[in-house]
Amino acid sequence: MDIRNGWIRCWMKLAGLSPLGRVATWLAALAAPPHKSRTYLSNLNRNGFVSPRASIFSSRLKLGKNVFMDDRVLLYQRPDGGLIEIGDRVCIYRDTIIETGFGGCFSIAHGSSLHPRCQFNAYVASIQIGSDVMIAPNCAFYSYDHGAAPERPISEQPLQSKGDIVIGDGAWIGVGAIVLSGVRVGDGAVVAAGSIVTNDIPNNAIAAGAPAKVVKLRQQASDRP
């Protein structure tokens, strides 16, 4: 155990996004357990842990301290895409995709977590995620839509948006939820699994359904009829 920990700590001292840093991270990962058991590695170096199997294709990336980025995470910036900003101590788990394009930007503040297989497409407008937000697996966020005029194929329709997506501090988005453009989910709000969010959700509200509607406030969550 001591030999393994010594190996991990030795190589994590050199971890980073440079070619040497990526090799050092790969060597550290060889002795580390998989998936969420690896999150502690991000605390061993202010450069964090960016899996050697993660792909970063962005010329406008701002990466905070002690970030955890798991296997097969993809950060992708189109030529016309904006900044991708990842705050301190953010955890991004495997198979999550973050894209920017058509002027859209993406930001996520400190202490938030994106669980496996989430999709974030910040096209035309931006996606802004606050601090200490938890986003469950298989969620999708789209800050744009295609036009639907009848005289042109959908694939040729211009992109359009109702505005930015904003997720407030301390919010929780349940498994498989979809959040569309122009929506603000308030601080401390909860979006139930499988919901489709097309309108604002107030602070500390619990919302469910397709489209999502407020079912109660968190202050009332323990009430009994």
C-alpha atoms as a PDB file:
ATOM      1  CA  MET A   1       0.000   0.000   0.000  1.00  0.00           C
ATOM      2  CA  ASP A   2       2.804   2.441   0.933  1.00  0.00           C
ATOM      3  CA  ILE A   3       4.666   1.683  -2.297  1.00  0.00           C
ATOM      4  CA  ARG A   4       1.536   2.281  -4.360  1.00  0.00           C
ATOM      5  CA  ASN A   5       0.740   5.563  -2.603  1.00  0.00           C
ATOM      6  CA  GLY A   6       4.333   6.695  -2.976  1.00  0.00           C
ATOM      7  CA  TRP A   7       4.205   5.963  -6.713  1.00  0.00           C
ATOM      8  CA  ILE A   8       0.948   7.912  -7.111  1.00  0.00           C
ATOM      9  CA  ARG A   9       2.135  10.918  -5.122  1.00  0.00           C
ATOM     10  CA  CYS A  10       5.478  10.999  -6.932  1.00  0.00           C
ATOM     11  CA  TRP A  11       3.928  11.202 -10.381  1.00  0.00           C
ATOM     12  CA  MET A  12       1.044  13.474  -9.362  1.00  0.00           C
ATOM     13  CA  LYS A  13       3.610  16.111  -8.383  1.00  0.00           C
ATOM     14  CA  LEU A  14       4.326  16.444 -12.116  1.00  0.00           C
ATOM     15  CA  ALA A  15       0.707  16.213 -13.333  1.00  0.00           C
ATOM     16  CA  GLY A  16      -0.654  18.868 -15.683  1.00  0.00           C
ATOM     17  CA  LEU A  17      -1.743  19.579 -19.251  1.00  0.00           C
ATOM     18  CA  SER A  18       1.749  19.688 -20.743  1.00  0.00           C
ATOM     19  CA  PRO A  19       2.951  16.545 -22.566  1.00  0.00           C
ATOM     20  CA  LEU A  20       5.099  15.642 -19.549  1.00  0.00           C
ATOM     21  CA  GLY A  21       2.169  16.364 -17.237  1.00  0.00           C
ATOM     22  CA  ARG A  22      -0.155  14.082 -19.193  1.00  0.00           C
ATOM     23  CA  VAL A  23       2.415  11.247 -19.097  1.00  0.00           C
ATOM     24  CA  ALA A  24       2.887  11.732 -15.337  1.00  0.00           C
ATOM     25  CA  THR A  25      -0.870  11.600 -14.820  1.00  0.00           C
ATOM     26  CA  TRP A  26      -1.049   8.368 -16.830  1.00  0.00           C
ATOM     27  CA  LEU A  27       1.680   6.810 -14.709  1.00  0.00           C
ATOM     28  CA  ALA A  28      -0.069   7.865 -11.491  1.00  0.00           C
ATOM     29  CA  ALA A  29      -3.368   6.460 -12.757  1.00  0.00           C
ATOM     30  CA  LEU A  30      -1.809   3.046 -13.347  1.00  0.00           C
ATOM     31  CA  ALA A  31      -1.724   2.481  -9.595  1.00  0.00           C
ATOM     32  CA  ALA A  32      -4.970   4.258  -8.719  1.00  0.00           C
ATOM     33  CA  PRO A  33      -8.443   2.723  -8.313  1.00  0.00           C
ATOM     34  CA  PRO A  34     -11.062   3.520 -10.985  1.00  0.00           C
ATOM     35  CA  HIS A  35     -13.886   6.031 -11.318  1.00  0.00           C
ATOM     36  CA  LYS A  36     -14.883   8.049  -8.223  1.00  0.00           C
ATOM     37  CA  SER A  37     -12.196   6.429  -6.094  1.00  0.00           C
ATOM     38  CA  ARG A  38      -9.733   8.550  -8.077  1.00  0.00           C
ATOM     39  CA  THR A  39     -11.157  11.922  -7.122  1.00  0.00           C
ATOM     40  CA  TYR A  40      -8.654  12.318  -4.261  1.00  0.00           C
ATOM     41  CA  LEU A  41      -5.876  12.499  -6.862  1.00  0.00           C
ATOM     42  CA  SER A  42      -7.034  15.992  -7.815  1.00  0.00           C
ATOM     43  CA  ASN A  43      -6.088  17.159  -4.304  1.00  0.00           C
ATOM     44  CA  LEU A  44      -2.468  16.059  -4.694  1.00  0.00           C
ATOM     45  CA  ASN A  45      -1.600  18.809  -7.190  1.00  0.00           C
ATOM     46  CA  ARG A  46      -3.169  22.214  -7.801  1.00  0.00           C
ATOM     47  CA  ASN A  47      -3.158  21.266 -11.500  1.00  0.00           C
ATOM     48  CA  GLY A  48      -5.712  18.611 -10.550  1.00  0.00           C
ATOM     49  CA  PHE A  49      -6.243  15.254 -12.209  1.00  0.00           C
ATOM     50  CA  VAL A  50      -7.023  15.274 -15.930  1.00  0.00           C
ATOM     51  CA  SER A  51      -7.279  11.679 -17.090  1.00  0.00           C
ATOM     52  CA  PRO A  52      -4.889  10.724 -19.892  1.00  0.00           C
ATOM     53  CA  ARG A  53      -8.017   9.389 -21.615  1.00  0.00           C
ATOM     54  CA  ALA A  54      -9.754  12.771 -21.507  1.00  0.00           C
ATOM     55  CA  SER A  55      -9.713  14.847 -24.724  1.00  0.00           C
ATOM     56  CA  ILE A  56      -9.279  18.614 -24.708  1.00  0.00           C
ATOM     57  CA  PHE A  57      -9.705  20.501 -27.969  1.00  0.00           C
ATOM     58  CA  SER A  58     -10.025  24.123 -26.912  1.00  0.00           C
ATOM     59  CA  SER A  59      -7.833  27.180 -27.400  1.00  0.00           C
ATOM     60  CA  ARG A  60      -9.897  29.108 -24.848  1.00  0.00           C
ATOM     61  CA  LEU A  61      -9.824  26.944 -21.736  1.00  0.00           C
ATOM     62  CA  LYS A  62      -9.580  28.314 -18.200  1.00  0.00           C
ATOM     63  CA  LEU A  63      -8.979  25.474 -15.768  1.00  0.00           C
ATOM     64  CA  GLY A  64      -9.231  26.061 -12.023  1.00  0.00           C
ATOM     65  CA  LYS A  65      -7.272  24.435  -9.229  1.00  0.00           C
ATOM     66  CA  ASN A  66      -7.694  20.798  -8.147  1.00  0.00           C
ATOM     67  CA  VAL A  67     -10.123  19.897 -10.944  1.00  0.00           C
ATOM     68  CA  PHE A  68     -10.993  16.224 -11.460  1.00  0.00           C
ATOM     69  CA  MET A  69     -11.610  15.185 -15.076  1.00  0.00           C
ATOM     70  CA  ASP A  70     -12.376  11.500 -15.638  1.00  0.00           C
ATOM     71  CA  ASP A  71     -11.860   9.084 -18.530  1.00  0.00           C
ATOM     72  CA  ARG A  72     -13.346   9.995 -21.914  1.00  0.00           C
ATOM     73  CA  VAL A  73     -14.416  13.491 -20.926  1.00  0.00           C
ATOM     74  CA  LEU A  74     -14.417  15.703 -24.027  1.00  0.00           C
ATOM     75  CA  LEU A  75     -14.024  19.484 -24.041  1.00  0.00           C
ATOM     76  CA  TYR A  76     -14.621  20.702 -27.590  1.00  0.00           C
ATOM     77  CA  GLN A  77     -14.525  24.258 -28.934  1.00  0.00           C
ATOM     78  CA  ARG A  78     -15.628  24.939 -32.486  1.00  0.00           C
ATOM     79  CA  PRO A  79     -13.643  27.627 -34.328  1.00  0.00           C
ATOM     80  CA  ASP A  80     -16.450  30.066 -33.486  1.00  0.00           C
ATOM     81  CA  GLY A  81     -16.878  28.775 -29.925  1.00  0.00           C
ATOM     82  CA  GLY A  82     -16.256  30.747 -26.769  1.00  0.00           C
ATOM     83  CA  LEU A  83     -14.486  30.214 -23.490  1.00  0.00           C
ATOM     84  CA  ILE A  84     -14.741  26.991 -21.474  1.00  0.00           C
ATOM     85  CA  GLU A  85     -14.170  27.882 -17.819  1.00  0.00           C
ATOM     86  CA  ILE A  86     -13.898  25.153 -15.164  1.00  0.00           C
ATOM     87  CA  GLY A  87     -13.778  26.382 -11.565  1.00  0.00           C
ATOM     88  CA  ASP A  88     -11.755  25.122  -8.617  1.00  0.00           C
ATOM     89  CA  ARG A  89     -12.491  21.603  -7.312  1.00  0.00           C
ATOM     90  CA  VAL A  90     -15.004  20.810 -10.042  1.00  0.00           C
ATOM     91  CA  CYS A  91     -15.515  17.089 -10.749  1.00  0.00           C
ATOM     92  CA  ILE A  92     -16.381  16.000 -14.297  1.00  0.00           C
ATOM     93  CA  TYR A  93     -17.041  12.287 -14.570  1.00  0.00           C
ATOM     94  CA  ARG A  94     -16.569   9.940 -17.499  1.00  0.00           C
ATOM     95  CA  ASP A  95     -18.145  10.317 -20.948  1.00  0.00           C
ATOM     96  CA  THR A  96     -19.344  13.869 -20.323  1.00  0.00           C
ATOM     97  CA  ILE A  97     -19.138  16.197 -23.354  1.00  0.00           C
ATOM     98  CA  ILE A  98     -18.878  19.988 -23.185  1.00  0.00           C
ATOM     99  CA  GLU A  99     -19.058  21.928 -26.466  1.00  0.00           C
ATOM    100  CA  THR A 100     -19.030  25.627 -27.341  1.00  0.00           C
ATOM    101  CA  GLY A 101     -19.880  27.112 -30.716  1.00  0.00           C
ATOM    102  CA  PHE A 102     -21.508  30.022 -32.575  1.00  0.00           C
ATOM    103  CA  GLY A 103     -20.346  32.456 -29.877  1.00  0.00           C
ATOM    104  CA  GLY A 104     -21.593  30.451 -26.883  1.00  0.00           C
ATOM    105  CA  CYS A 105     -19.500  29.984 -23.734  1.00  0.00           C
ATOM    106  CA  PHE A 106     -19.542  27.473 -20.883  1.00  0.00           C
ATOM    107  CA  SER A 107     -18.688  28.064 -17.238  1.00  0.00           C
ATOM    108  CA  ILE A 108     -19.009  26.023 -14.058  1.00  0.00           C
ATOM    109  CA  ALA A 109     -18.120  27.392 -10.625  1.00  0.00           C
ATOM    110  CA  HIS A 110     -16.205  25.843  -7.763  1.00  0.00           C
ATOM    111  CA  GLY A 111     -17.226  22.617  -6.089  1.00  0.00           C
ATOM    112  CA  SER A 112     -19.799  21.523  -8.663  1.00  0.00           C
ATOM    113  CA  SER A 113     -20.000  18.022 -10.155  1.00  0.00           C
ATOM    114  CA  LEU A 114     -21.077  16.683 -13.543  1.00  0.00           C
ATOM    115  CA  HIS A 115     -21.842  12.977 -13.406  1.00  0.00           C
ATOM    116  CA  PRO A 116     -21.350  10.455 -16.222  1.00  0.00           C
ATOM    117  CA  ARG A 117     -22.664  10.841 -19.770  1.00  0.00           C
ATOM    118  CA  CYS A 118     -23.908  14.422 -19.536  1.00  0.00           C
ATOM    119  CA  GLN A 119     -24.032  16.640 -22.640  1.00  0.00           C
ATOM    120  CA  PHE A 120     -23.595  20.438 -22.645  1.00  0.00           C
ATOM    121  CA  ASN A 121     -23.975  22.278 -25.961  1.00  0.00           C
ATOM    122  CA  ALA A 122     -23.354  25.988 -25.445  1.00  0.00           C
ATOM    123  CA  TYR A 123     -24.181  27.207 -28.925  1.00  0.00           C
ATOM    124  CA  VAL A 124     -25.398  30.756 -29.721  1.00  0.00           C
ATOM    125  CA  ALA A 125     -26.000  31.447 -26.011  1.00  0.00           C
ATOM    126  CA  SER A 126     -24.055  30.362 -22.958  1.00  0.00           C
ATOM    127  CA  ILE A 127     -24.408  27.785 -20.188  1.00  0.00           C
ATOM    128  CA  GLN A 128     -23.524  29.058 -16.709  1.00  0.00           C
ATOM    129  CA  ILE A 129     -23.457  26.625 -13.788  1.00  0.00           C
ATOM    130  CA  GLY A 130     -23.041  27.971 -10.263  1.00  0.00           C
ATOM    131  CA  SER A 131     -21.112  26.634  -7.288  1.00  0.00           C
ATOM    132  CA  ASP A 132     -21.842  23.379  -5.428  1.00  0.00           C
ATOM    133  CA  VAL A 133     -24.261  22.233  -8.129  1.00  0.00           C
ATOM    134  CA  MET A 134     -24.877  18.501  -8.579  1.00  0.00           C
ATOM    135  CA  ILE A 135     -25.878  17.304 -12.048  1.00  0.00           C
ATOM    136  CA  ALA A 136     -26.799  13.608 -12.195  1.00  0.00           C
ATOM    137  CA  PRO A 137     -25.947  11.214 -15.067  1.00  0.00           C
ATOM    138  CA  ASN A 138     -27.416  11.431 -18.577  1.00  0.00           C
ATOM    139  CA  CYS A 139     -28.547  15.057 -18.379  1.00  0.00           C
ATOM    140  CA  ALA A 140     -28.576  17.283 -21.474  1.00  0.00           C
ATOM    141  CA  PHE A 141     -28.277  21.075 -21.688  1.00  0.00           C
ATOM    142  CA  TYR A 142     -28.877  22.878 -24.987  1.00  0.00           C
ATOM    143  CA  SER A 143     -28.715  26.678 -25.129  1.00  0.00           C
ATOM    144  CA  TYR A 144     -29.983  26.718 -28.710  1.00  0.00           C
ATOM    145  CA  ASP A 145     -32.479  25.154 -31.114  1.00  0.00           C
ATOM    146  CA  HIS A 146     -32.932  24.845 -34.872  1.00  0.00           C
ATOM    147  CA  GLY A 147     -35.523  26.876 -36.663  1.00  0.00           C
ATOM    148  CA  ALA A 148     -38.521  24.965 -37.938  1.00  0.00           C
ATOM    149  CA  ALA A 149     -39.792  27.027 -40.876  1.00  0.00           C
ATOM    150  CA  PRO A 150     -41.569  24.735 -43.390  1.00  0.00           C
ATOM    151  CA  GLU A 151     -39.778  25.869 -46.543  1.00  0.00           C
ATOM    152  CA  ARG A 152     -36.304  24.553 -45.569  1.00  0.00           C
ATOM    153  CA  PRO A 153     -34.959  21.250 -44.251  1.00  0.00           C
ATOM    154  CA  ILE A 154     -34.287  21.271 -40.523  1.00  0.00           C
ATOM    155  CA  SER A 155     -30.581  20.689 -41.192  1.00  0.00           C
ATOM    156  CA  GLU A 156     -30.440  24.027 -43.075  1.00  0.00           C
ATOM    157  CA  GLN A 157     -32.351  26.064 -40.521  1.00  0.00           C
ATOM    158  CA  PRO A 158     -30.400  28.787 -38.698  1.00  0.00           C
ATOM    159  CA  LEU A 159     -29.689  28.208 -35.021  1.00  0.00           C
ATOM    160  CA  GLN A 160     -31.744  30.246 -32.574  1.00  0.00           C
ATOM    161  CA  SER A 161     -31.887  30.692 -28.832  1.00  0.00           C
ATOM    162  CA  LYS A 162     -34.121  32.106 -26.109  1.00  0.00           C
ATOM    163  CA  GLY A 163     -31.042  33.034 -24.085  1.00  0.00           C
ATOM    164  CA  ASP A 164     -28.508  31.656 -21.668  1.00  0.00           C
ATOM    165  CA  ILE A 165     -29.017  28.666 -19.395  1.00  0.00           C
ATOM    166  CA  VAL A 166     -28.211  29.610 -15.788  1.00  0.00           C
ATOM    167  CA  ILE A 167     -28.080  27.068 -12.958  1.00  0.00           C
ATOM    168  CA  GLY A 168     -27.982  28.681  -9.518  1.00  0.00           C
ATOM    169  CA  ASP A 169     -25.702  27.805  -6.631  1.00  0.00           C
ATOM    170  CA  GLY A 170     -26.492  24.587  -4.794  1.00  0.00           C
ATOM    171  CA  ALA A 171     -29.034  23.313  -7.329  1.00  0.00           C
ATOM    172  CA  TRP A 172     -29.545  19.591  -8.007  1.00  0.00           C
ATOM    173  CA  ILE A 173     -30.515  18.310 -11.465  1.00  0.00           C
ATOM    174  CA  GLY A 174     -31.828  14.721 -11.424  1.00  0.00           C
ATOM    175  CA  VAL A 175     -30.993  11.811 -13.712  1.00  0.00           C
ATOM    176  CA  GLY A 176     -31.901  12.256 -17.374  1.00  0.00           C
ATOM    177  CA  ALA A 177     -33.209  15.823 -17.076  1.00  0.00           C
ATOM    178  CA  ILE A 178     -33.122  18.102 -20.135  1.00  0.00           C
ATOM    179  CA  VAL A 179     -32.621  21.860 -19.753  1.00  0.00           C
ATOM    180  CA  LEU A 180     -33.336  24.128 -22.737  1.00  0.00           C
ATOM    181  CA  SER A 181     -32.371  27.671 -23.691  1.00  0.00           C
ATOM    182  CA  GLY A 182     -33.453  30.787 -21.832  1.00  0.00           C
ATOM    183  CA  VAL A 183     -33.969  28.975 -18.525  1.00  0.00           C
ATOM    184  CA  ARG A 184     -32.784  29.868 -15.039  1.00  0.00           C
ATOM    185  CA  VAL A 185     -32.857  27.172 -12.354  1.00  0.00           C
ATOM    186  CA  GLY A 186     -32.701  29.010  -9.047  1.00  0.00           C
ATOM    187  CA  ASP A 187     -30.345  28.657  -6.114  1.00  0.00           C
ATOM    188  CA  GLY A 188     -30.984  25.480  -4.159  1.00  0.00           C
ATOM    189  CA  ALA A 189     -33.642  24.250  -6.591  1.00  0.00           C
ATOM    190  CA  VAL A 190     -34.238  20.565  -7.354  1.00  0.00           C
ATOM    191  CA  VAL A 191     -35.217  19.248 -10.792  1.00  0.00           C
ATOM    192  CA  ALA A 192     -36.637  15.727 -10.665  1.00  0.00           C
ATOM    193  CA  ALA A 193     -35.306  12.878 -12.795  1.00  0.00           C
ATOM    194  CA  GLY A 194     -36.541  12.837 -16.381  1.00  0.00           C
ATOM    195  CA  SER A 195     -37.878  16.397 -16.324  1.00  0.00           C
ATOM    196  CA  ILE A 196     -37.737  18.777 -19.297  1.00  0.00           C
ATOM    197  CA  VAL A 197     -37.066  22.333 -18.139  1.00  0.00           C
ATOM    198  CA  THR A 198     -38.445  24.977 -20.494  1.00  0.00           C
ATOM    199  CA  ASN A 199     -39.249  27.738 -17.978  1.00  0.00           C
ATOM    200  CA  ASP A 200     -37.542  29.272 -14.962  1.00  0.00           C
ATOM    201  CA  ILE A 201     -37.514  27.364 -11.670  1.00  0.00           C
ATOM    202  CA  PRO A 202     -37.510  29.610  -8.555  1.00  0.00           C
ATOM    203  CA  ASN A 203     -34.978  29.418  -5.751  1.00  0.00           C
ATOM    204  CA  ASN A 204     -35.449  26.400  -3.444  1.00  0.00           C
ATOM    205  CA  ALA A 205     -38.271  24.976  -5.564  1.00  0.00           C
ATOM    206  CA  ILE A 206     -38.764  21.300  -6.420  1.00  0.00           C
ATOM    207  CA  ALA A 207     -39.885  20.859 -10.036  1.00  0.00           C
ATOM    208  CA  ALA A 208     -40.917  17.782 -11.992  1.00  0.00           C
ATOM    209  CA  GLY A 209     -42.523  16.797 -15.272  1.00  0.00           C
ATOM    210  CA  ALA A 210     -42.375  17.508 -18.988  1.00  0.00           C
ATOM    211  CA  PRO A 211     -42.501  20.435 -19.070  1.00  0.00           C
ATOM    212  CA  ALA A 212     -41.198  20.815 -15.520  1.00  0.00           C
ATOM    213  CA  LYS A 213     -43.518  22.555 -13.064  1.00  0.00           C
ATOM    214  CA  VAL A 214     -43.008  23.485  -9.423  1.00  0.00           C
ATOM    215  CA  VAL A 215     -44.582  20.864  -7.141  1.00  0.00           C
ATOM    216  CA  LYS A 216     -43.491  22.382  -3.819  1.00  0.00           C
ATOM    217  CA  LEU A 217     -40.809  24.427  -2.132  1.00  0.00           C
ATOM    218  CA  ARG A 218     -37.987  22.765  -0.228  1.00  0.00           C
ATOM    219  CA  GLN A 219     -39.182  24.402   3.003  1.00  0.00           C
ATOM    220  CA  GLN A 220     -42.353  22.314   2.531  1.00  0.00           C
ATOM    221  CA  ALA A 221     -40.584  19.098   1.512  1.00  0.00           C
ATOM    222  CA  SER A 222     -41.043  17.504   4.953  1.00  0.00           C
ATOM    223  CA  ASP A 223     -44.708  18.488   5.292  1.00  0.00           C
ATOM    224  CA  ARG A 224     -47.269  15.697   5.630  1.00  0.00           C
ATOM    225  CA  PRO A 225     -50.950  15.981   4.636  1.00  0.00           C
END
